[in-house]
């Protein structure tokens, strides 16, 4: 939201009446994006140029570097999970995924390589699984050949799904505090990237006497739905 306001503020050209000018700029931007949403053919900027080595999976899902140069054998719990579900243990990992809403989802594979101090973690995801809302930490992204079409790839993500929310906290907070535990490799699950709704933040919940240990609470990006009206997307770099 702050970025959208800053972007709109740069277009103010009437210092004598800036707020009225800002309202008109925002209204015009919203009207323009509404028309583009209704009639996509009006949007001549819809095709975002892909970065080198990126891969467009269709429907707005784009794999971005870092990626492994070649398929590599998996190890440990990752290998066990993929082997059990897909009967294979060698694949190429991708580190980032651009979502249809413009957000860039990262992963343990990309952020674990070079984590500088105070780096913003963007590998936690809001998921839609079996008709329910879940939250998970992306380990990496990968592609598998469509069994019905050798020329087509199906994009997946390996995620560690967080545990169920603490029922008492959820009820006492009127369903606003979703506090859950990090399950690690025990919660590994492979999902189609189309199950990813958005990027969220998971923050450690300050522990009070009697509270369970290892609880994290969900923080969703405010105003995310409004970014479709402003046209803002995260930079691919």
Protein backbone atom coordinates (compact mmCIF):
# COMPACT_ATOMS: atom_id res chain seq x y z
CA UNK A 1 0.00 0.00 0.00
CA UNK A 2 2.84 2.41 0.89
CA UNK A 3 4.50 1.73 -2.45
CA UNK A 4 1.24 2.37 -4.28
CA UNK A 5 0.78 5.70 -2.47
CA UNK A 6 4.36 6.68 -3.27
CA UNK A 7 3.88 5.77 -6.92
CA UNK A 8 0.69 7.85 -7.13
CA UNK A 9 2.26 10.73 -5.23
CA UNK A 10 5.00 11.10 -7.82
CA UNK A 11 2.35 11.99 -10.39
CA UNK A 12 0.99 15.01 -8.50
CA UNK A 13 1.21 18.08 -10.77
CA UNK A 14 -0.99 20.55 -8.87
CA UNK A 15 0.83 21.72 -5.71
CA UNK A 16 -1.88 24.24 -4.88
CA UNK A 17 -4.42 21.45 -4.35
CA UNK A 18 -2.42 18.21 -3.97
CA UNK A 19 -5.03 16.04 -2.24
CA UNK A 20 -7.75 16.64 -4.80
CA UNK A 21 -5.19 16.07 -7.54
CA UNK A 22 -4.10 12.81 -5.86
CA UNK A 23 -7.71 11.62 -5.64
CA UNK A 24 -8.21 12.20 -9.36
CA UNK A 25 -4.96 10.42 -10.21
CA UNK A 26 -5.96 7.39 -8.09
CA UNK A 27 -9.45 7.38 -9.60
CA UNK A 28 -8.07 7.50 -13.13
CA UNK A 29 -5.59 4.70 -12.35
CA UNK A 30 -8.36 2.53 -10.86
CA UNK A 31 -10.62 3.14 -13.85
CA UNK A 32 -7.81 2.32 -16.27
CA UNK A 33 -6.94 -0.92 -14.50
CA UNK A 34 -10.60 -1.90 -14.25
CA UNK A 35 -10.89 -1.54 -18.03
CA UNK A 36 -7.73 -3.59 -18.53
CA UNK A 37 -9.11 -6.30 -16.24
CA UNK A 38 -12.41 -6.43 -18.15
CA UNK A 39 -10.75 -6.16 -21.58
CA UNK A 40 -7.18 -7.58 -21.36
CA UNK A 41 -6.60 -6.73 -25.01
CA UNK A 42 -6.42 -3.05 -23.98
CA UNK A 43 -3.31 -3.69 -21.87
CA UNK A 44 -0.23 -3.32 -24.06
CA UNK A 45 2.08 -3.87 -21.04
CA UNK A 46 0.66 -7.20 -19.89
CA UNK A 47 3.57 -9.23 -21.25
CA UNK A 48 6.37 -8.78 -18.71
CA UNK A 49 9.78 -9.42 -20.30
CA UNK A 50 11.28 -12.58 -18.83
CA UNK A 51 14.69 -12.58 -17.23
CA UNK A 52 17.47 -14.81 -18.49
CA UNK A 53 16.95 -18.49 -17.52
CA UNK A 54 13.41 -17.84 -16.24
CA UNK A 55 10.56 -20.10 -17.33
CA UNK A 56 6.93 -19.13 -17.95
CA UNK A 57 4.65 -21.92 -16.69
CA UNK A 58 1.51 -20.19 -17.92
CA UNK A 59 -1.42 -18.66 -16.02
CA UNK A 60 0.89 -16.02 -14.52
CA UNK A 61 3.29 -18.43 -12.76
CA UNK A 62 6.93 -17.81 -13.71
CA UNK A 63 9.97 -19.65 -12.34
CA UNK A 64 12.91 -17.33 -11.65
CA UNK A 65 16.56 -17.89 -10.84
CA UNK A 66 18.42 -19.09 -8.88
CA UNK A 67 18.16 -22.56 -10.32
CA UNK A 68 20.41 -25.59 -10.40
CA UNK A 69 22.40 -25.94 -13.60
CA UNK A 70 21.29 -29.54 -14.04
CA UNK A 71 19.05 -32.10 -12.33
CA UNK A 72 20.68 -33.16 -9.06
CA UNK A 73 20.03 -36.09 -6.69
CA UNK A 74 17.94 -35.16 -3.68
CA UNK A 75 18.90 -36.05 -0.13
CA UNK A 76 17.22 -36.83 3.17
CA UNK A 77 13.56 -36.04 3.76
CA UNK A 78 13.28 -34.21 0.42
CA UNK A 79 14.32 -37.36 -1.44
CA UNK A 80 11.95 -39.55 0.60
CA UNK A 81 9.00 -37.27 -0.12
CA UNK A 82 9.59 -36.92 -3.86
CA UNK A 83 10.48 -40.60 -4.25
CA UNK A 84 7.30 -41.70 -2.51
CA UNK A 85 5.03 -39.49 -4.60
CA UNK A 86 6.72 -39.35 -8.01
CA UNK A 87 9.03 -42.40 -7.98
CA UNK A 88 12.08 -40.26 -8.75
CA UNK A 89 14.90 -38.72 -6.73
CA UNK A 90 16.66 -36.48 -9.25
CA UNK A 91 15.35 -33.07 -10.32
CA UNK A 92 16.31 -29.44 -10.88
CA UNK A 93 15.49 -26.98 -8.12
CA UNK A 94 14.23 -23.45 -8.79
CA UNK A 95 14.50 -20.75 -6.14
CA UNK A 96 11.79 -18.18 -6.91
CA UNK A 97 8.28 -18.05 -8.32
CA UNK A 98 6.37 -15.04 -9.60
CA UNK A 99 2.66 -15.30 -8.75
CA UNK A 100 -0.25 -14.00 -10.84
CA UNK A 101 -0.83 -11.24 -8.25
CA UNK A 102 2.66 -9.84 -8.93
CA UNK A 103 4.33 -11.11 -5.74
CA UNK A 104 7.67 -12.95 -5.82
CA UNK A 105 7.69 -16.10 -3.68
CA UNK A 106 11.13 -17.29 -2.63
CA UNK A 107 12.21 -20.51 -0.95
CA UNK A 108 14.66 -22.08 1.47
CA UNK A 109 16.74 -23.01 -1.58
CA UNK A 110 17.11 -19.37 -2.68
CA UNK A 111 17.18 -17.58 0.68
CA UNK A 112 19.37 -20.15 2.40
CA UNK A 113 22.22 -19.56 -0.04
CA UNK A 114 23.16 -16.02 1.01
CA UNK A 115 21.13 -14.67 3.91
CA UNK A 116 22.37 -11.20 4.86
CA UNK A 117 21.43 -9.71 8.25
CA UNK A 118 17.91 -8.22 8.42
CA UNK A 119 16.91 -9.87 5.14
CA UNK A 120 13.14 -9.90 4.62
CA UNK A 121 12.02 -13.53 4.44
CA UNK A 122 9.50 -14.13 1.64
CA UNK A 123 9.30 -17.90 1.47
CA UNK A 124 6.16 -18.38 3.57
CA UNK A 125 2.99 -18.89 1.58
CA UNK A 126 -0.76 -18.88 1.91
CA UNK A 127 -2.11 -22.04 0.30
CA UNK A 128 -5.45 -23.40 -0.82
CA UNK A 129 -5.33 -27.16 -0.25
CA UNK A 130 -8.33 -29.46 -0.50
CA UNK A 131 -10.67 -26.51 -0.16
CA UNK A 132 -9.03 -25.27 3.06
CA UNK A 133 -6.65 -22.42 3.81
CA UNK A 134 -3.21 -23.60 4.91
CA UNK A 135 0.17 -21.96 5.36
CA UNK A 136 3.56 -23.36 4.43
CA UNK A 137 7.24 -22.64 3.96
CA UNK A 138 8.51 -23.19 0.41
CA UNK A 139 11.57 -25.42 0.22
CA UNK A 140 12.03 -25.17 -3.56
CA UNK A 141 10.12 -25.24 -6.85
CA UNK A 142 10.44 -27.83 -9.60
CA UNK A 143 8.96 -29.13 -12.84
CA UNK A 144 7.93 -32.58 -13.96
CA UNK A 145 6.98 -33.77 -17.42
CA UNK A 146 3.24 -34.11 -17.94
CA UNK A 147 2.55 -37.86 -18.22
CA UNK A 148 -0.05 -37.09 -20.90
CA UNK A 149 2.13 -34.74 -22.94
CA UNK A 150 5.92 -35.09 -23.17
CA UNK A 151 6.23 -31.50 -24.44
CA UNK A 152 4.54 -29.99 -21.38
CA UNK A 153 5.88 -29.46 -17.87
CA UNK A 154 3.82 -29.30 -14.66
CA UNK A 155 5.16 -26.87 -12.03
CA UNK A 156 5.24 -27.94 -8.38
CA UNK A 157 6.48 -26.65 -5.05
CA UNK A 158 7.82 -28.63 -2.13
CA UNK A 159 6.50 -26.95 1.02
CA UNK A 160 6.60 -27.60 4.73
CA UNK A 161 2.99 -27.11 5.80
CA UNK A 162 2.52 -25.46 9.19
CA UNK A 163 0.45 -27.26 11.80
CA UNK A 164 -3.20 -26.46 12.58
CA UNK A 165 -3.94 -23.21 14.42
CA UNK A 166 -4.23 -23.15 18.19
CA UNK A 167 -8.00 -23.40 18.61
CA UNK A 168 -8.25 -21.39 21.84
CA UNK A 169 -6.18 -18.49 20.50
CA UNK A 170 -8.13 -18.49 17.25
CA UNK A 171 -11.46 -18.42 19.08
CA UNK A 172 -10.47 -15.81 21.67
CA UNK A 173 -9.13 -13.50 18.96
CA UNK A 174 -12.32 -13.74 16.86
CA UNK A 175 -10.37 -15.77 14.29
CA UNK A 176 -7.77 -13.06 13.71
CA UNK A 177 -4.75 -14.72 15.39
CA UNK A 178 -3.68 -17.80 13.47
CA UNK A 179 -0.87 -19.25 15.60
CA UNK A 180 0.63 -22.57 14.54
CA UNK A 181 3.78 -24.63 14.86
CA UNK A 182 6.55 -25.13 12.31
CA UNK A 183 6.54 -28.81 11.42
CA UNK A 184 9.85 -28.95 9.52
CA UNK A 185 10.43 -32.00 7.35
CA UNK A 186 7.51 -33.83 8.96
CA UNK A 187 5.16 -31.45 7.15
CA UNK A 188 6.73 -31.82 3.69
CA UNK A 189 4.18 -31.88 0.90
CA UNK A 190 4.44 -31.39 -2.86
CA UNK A 191 1.74 -29.16 -4.32
CA UNK A 192 0.93 -27.63 -7.72
CA UNK A 193 1.99 -24.00 -7.82
CA UNK A 194 -1.62 -23.12 -8.65
CA UNK A 195 -2.40 -23.90 -4.99
CA UNK A 196 -0.31 -20.90 -3.88
CA UNK A 197 -2.51 -17.90 -3.09
CA UNK A 198 -0.01 -15.29 -1.90
CA UNK A 199 3.20 -14.59 -0.01
CA UNK A 200 2.74 -14.04 3.73
CA UNK A 201 4.97 -13.48 6.75
CA UNK A 202 5.31 -15.86 9.71
CA UNK A 203 6.47 -14.18 12.91
CA UNK A 204 7.46 -15.88 16.19
CA UNK A 205 4.67 -15.50 18.75
CA UNK A 206 5.90 -14.10 22.09
CA UNK A 207 5.37 -16.90 24.60
CA UNK A 208 3.30 -16.38 27.72
CA UNK A 209 3.10 -18.80 30.67
CA UNK A 210 1.11 -21.82 29.64
CA UNK A 211 1.44 -21.25 25.90
CA UNK A 212 2.80 -24.04 23.68
CA UNK A 213 6.35 -23.66 22.38
CA UNK A 214 7.41 -23.03 18.77
CA UNK A 215 4.37 -21.00 17.74
CA UNK A 216 4.35 -18.68 14.75
CA UNK A 217 1.56 -16.32 13.74
CA UNK A 218 0.44 -15.30 10.27
CA UNK A 219 0.83 -11.76 8.96
CA UNK A 220 -0.75 -11.10 5.56
CA UNK A 221 0.23 -8.15 3.40
CA UNK A 222 -2.34 -5.38 3.93
CA UNK A 223 -3.94 -3.97 0.80
CA UNK A 224 -2.83 -6.90 -1.36
CA UNK A 225 -6.17 -6.99 -3.16
CA UNK A 226 -5.82 -3.27 -3.94
CA UNK A 227 -2.56 -3.80 -5.85
CA UNK A 228 -4.63 -5.12 -8.76
CA UNK A 229 -6.18 -1.66 -9.00
CA UNK A 230 -2.83 0.16 -8.86
CA UNK A 231 -1.06 -2.26 -11.20
CA UNK A 232 1.93 -2.70 -8.84
CA UNK A 233 4.00 -5.89 -9.07
CA UNK A 234 7.19 -6.91 -7.30
CA UNK A 235 10.34 -6.42 -9.40
CA UNK A 236 11.65 -9.65 -10.94
CA UNK A 237 15.24 -9.00 -9.82
